[in-house]
N, C-alpha and C. Protein backbone atom coordinates (compact mmCIF):
# COMPACT_ATOMS: atom_id res chain seq x y z
N MET A 1 65.08 71.48 -211.43
CA MET A 1 63.75 71.99 -211.62
C MET A 1 62.73 70.85 -211.70
N ALA A 2 63.11 69.76 -212.36
CA ALA A 2 62.20 68.63 -212.49
C ALA A 2 61.85 68.05 -211.12
N ASP A 3 62.86 67.98 -210.24
CA ASP A 3 62.60 67.45 -208.89
C ASP A 3 61.63 68.34 -208.12
N LEU A 4 61.71 69.64 -208.33
CA LEU A 4 60.77 70.55 -207.68
C LEU A 4 59.35 70.32 -208.19
N CYS A 5 59.21 70.08 -209.48
CA CYS A 5 57.89 69.79 -210.06
C CYS A 5 57.32 68.51 -209.46
N VAL A 6 58.15 67.49 -209.36
CA VAL A 6 57.70 66.21 -208.79
C VAL A 6 57.27 66.40 -207.34
N ALA A 7 58.03 67.18 -206.58
CA ALA A 7 57.67 67.44 -205.18
C ALA A 7 56.36 68.21 -205.09
N LYS A 8 56.19 69.22 -205.93
CA LYS A 8 54.95 70.02 -205.93
C LYS A 8 53.74 69.14 -206.26
N LEU A 9 53.89 68.28 -207.26
CA LEU A 9 52.80 67.38 -207.63
C LEU A 9 52.51 66.38 -206.52
N GLY A 10 53.56 65.82 -205.93
CA GLY A 10 53.39 64.88 -204.83
C GLY A 10 52.67 65.50 -203.65
N ASP A 11 52.99 66.76 -203.35
CA ASP A 11 52.32 67.48 -202.26
C ASP A 11 50.84 67.64 -202.53
N ASN A 12 50.46 67.58 -203.81
CA ASN A 12 49.05 67.71 -204.20
C ASN A 12 48.41 66.37 -204.54
N GLY A 13 49.07 65.27 -204.15
CA GLY A 13 48.48 63.94 -204.31
C GLY A 13 48.63 63.33 -205.69
N ILE A 14 49.50 63.87 -206.51
CA ILE A 14 49.70 63.33 -207.85
C ILE A 14 51.08 62.67 -207.92
N PRO A 15 51.10 61.35 -208.09
CA PRO A 15 52.40 60.68 -208.21
C PRO A 15 53.09 61.07 -209.52
N ALA A 16 54.37 61.37 -209.44
CA ALA A 16 55.13 61.79 -210.62
C ALA A 16 56.56 61.29 -210.48
N GLY A 17 57.26 61.24 -211.60
CA GLY A 17 58.64 60.79 -211.59
C GLY A 17 59.48 61.57 -212.58
N VAL A 18 60.79 61.60 -212.32
CA VAL A 18 61.75 62.25 -213.21
C VAL A 18 62.41 61.17 -214.04
N PHE A 19 62.45 61.38 -215.34
CA PHE A 19 63.08 60.43 -216.26
C PHE A 19 64.14 61.15 -217.08
N GLY A 20 65.27 60.48 -217.27
CA GLY A 20 66.33 61.03 -218.10
C GLY A 20 67.44 61.71 -217.34
N ALA A 21 67.29 61.85 -216.03
CA ALA A 21 68.32 62.48 -215.20
C ALA A 21 69.16 61.37 -214.57
N ASP A 22 70.26 61.02 -215.21
CA ASP A 22 71.06 59.92 -214.69
C ASP A 22 72.30 60.39 -213.93
N SER A 23 72.43 61.70 -213.73
CA SER A 23 73.57 62.22 -213.00
C SER A 23 73.10 63.33 -212.06
N SER A 24 73.68 63.38 -210.89
CA SER A 24 73.33 64.45 -209.95
C SER A 24 74.07 65.74 -210.27
N TYR A 25 75.01 65.68 -211.22
CA TYR A 25 75.75 66.87 -211.65
C TYR A 25 75.06 67.47 -212.87
N PRO A 26 74.49 68.67 -212.74
CA PRO A 26 73.74 69.28 -213.86
C PRO A 26 74.51 69.34 -215.17
N SER A 27 75.81 69.58 -215.12
CA SER A 27 76.57 69.71 -216.36
C SER A 27 76.64 68.39 -217.13
N LEU A 28 76.55 67.26 -216.42
CA LEU A 28 76.58 65.97 -217.10
C LEU A 28 75.24 65.59 -217.70
N SER A 29 74.17 66.14 -217.17
CA SER A 29 72.83 65.84 -217.67
C SER A 29 72.30 66.93 -218.60
N PHE A 30 73.09 67.96 -218.82
CA PHE A 30 72.60 69.12 -219.56
C PHE A 30 72.12 68.79 -220.97
N ALA A 31 72.82 67.92 -221.66
CA ALA A 31 72.49 67.62 -223.05
C ALA A 31 71.35 66.62 -223.20
N ARG A 32 70.91 66.03 -222.12
CA ARG A 32 69.86 65.02 -222.18
C ARG A 32 68.49 65.64 -221.91
N ASN A 33 67.48 65.02 -222.50
CA ASN A 33 66.11 65.44 -222.20
C ASN A 33 65.72 64.90 -220.83
N ILE A 34 65.25 65.78 -219.99
CA ILE A 34 64.77 65.38 -218.67
C ILE A 34 63.26 65.62 -218.68
N GLU A 35 62.50 64.61 -218.29
CA GLU A 35 61.05 64.69 -218.33
C GLU A 35 60.45 64.40 -216.96
N VAL A 36 59.34 65.06 -216.70
CA VAL A 36 58.50 64.75 -215.54
C VAL A 36 57.29 64.02 -216.10
N LYS A 37 57.04 62.83 -215.59
CA LYS A 37 55.91 62.04 -216.10
C LYS A 37 54.90 61.79 -215.00
N VAL A 38 53.63 61.83 -215.39
CA VAL A 38 52.51 61.54 -214.50
C VAL A 38 51.59 60.55 -215.21
N ASN A 39 50.69 59.97 -214.46
CA ASN A 39 49.68 59.09 -215.06
C ASN A 39 48.79 59.92 -215.98
N GLU A 40 48.33 59.30 -217.05
CA GLU A 40 47.49 60.00 -218.01
C GLU A 40 46.25 60.61 -217.34
N SER A 41 45.70 59.89 -216.39
CA SER A 41 44.49 60.39 -215.72
C SER A 41 44.76 61.62 -214.84
N ASP A 42 46.03 61.86 -214.49
CA ASP A 42 46.41 63.01 -213.65
C ASP A 42 46.96 64.18 -214.46
N TYR A 43 47.07 64.01 -215.78
CA TYR A 43 47.76 65.00 -216.61
C TYR A 43 47.16 66.41 -216.51
N GLU A 44 45.86 66.55 -216.68
CA GLU A 44 45.24 67.88 -216.66
C GLU A 44 45.40 68.55 -215.30
N ALA A 45 45.20 67.79 -214.23
CA ALA A 45 45.36 68.35 -212.89
C ALA A 45 46.82 68.76 -212.65
N ALA A 46 47.75 67.94 -213.12
CA ALA A 46 49.17 68.26 -212.96
C ALA A 46 49.52 69.55 -213.69
N MET A 47 49.04 69.69 -214.91
CA MET A 47 49.32 70.91 -215.67
C MET A 47 48.72 72.14 -214.99
N SER A 48 47.54 72.00 -214.41
CA SER A 48 46.91 73.12 -213.71
C SER A 48 47.72 73.52 -212.48
N ILE A 49 48.18 72.53 -211.73
CA ILE A 49 48.98 72.80 -210.53
C ILE A 49 50.28 73.49 -210.89
N LEU A 50 50.97 72.97 -211.91
CA LEU A 50 52.25 73.56 -212.30
C LEU A 50 52.07 74.96 -212.90
N ALA A 51 50.99 75.17 -213.65
CA ALA A 51 50.73 76.49 -214.21
C ALA A 51 50.44 77.50 -213.10
N ALA A 52 49.67 77.09 -212.09
CA ALA A 52 49.36 77.97 -210.98
C ALA A 52 50.64 78.29 -210.19
N ALA A 53 51.51 77.31 -210.01
CA ALA A 53 52.77 77.53 -209.31
C ALA A 53 53.65 78.49 -210.08
N ASP A 54 53.64 78.37 -211.41
CA ASP A 54 54.46 79.24 -212.26
C ASP A 54 53.96 80.68 -212.16
N LYS A 55 52.65 80.88 -212.14
CA LYS A 55 52.09 82.23 -212.04
C LYS A 55 52.36 82.86 -210.68
N ALA A 56 52.41 82.02 -209.63
CA ALA A 56 52.64 82.50 -208.28
C ALA A 56 54.07 83.01 -208.09
N GLU A 57 54.99 82.53 -208.91
CA GLU A 57 56.39 82.95 -208.78
C GLU A 57 56.55 84.24 -209.43
């Protein structure tokens, strides 16, 4: 899910990254916190984009 968020933000011109996902196997990363991070100046726009995407689903 985090990778989808990063792709959605990137498509809208907001650089983002996934942190905390050190395994490609979900069961190995399940207990770890996985975060999507953006620049502070892009935070509000990123939240708006992700909220709009969530409502569209």
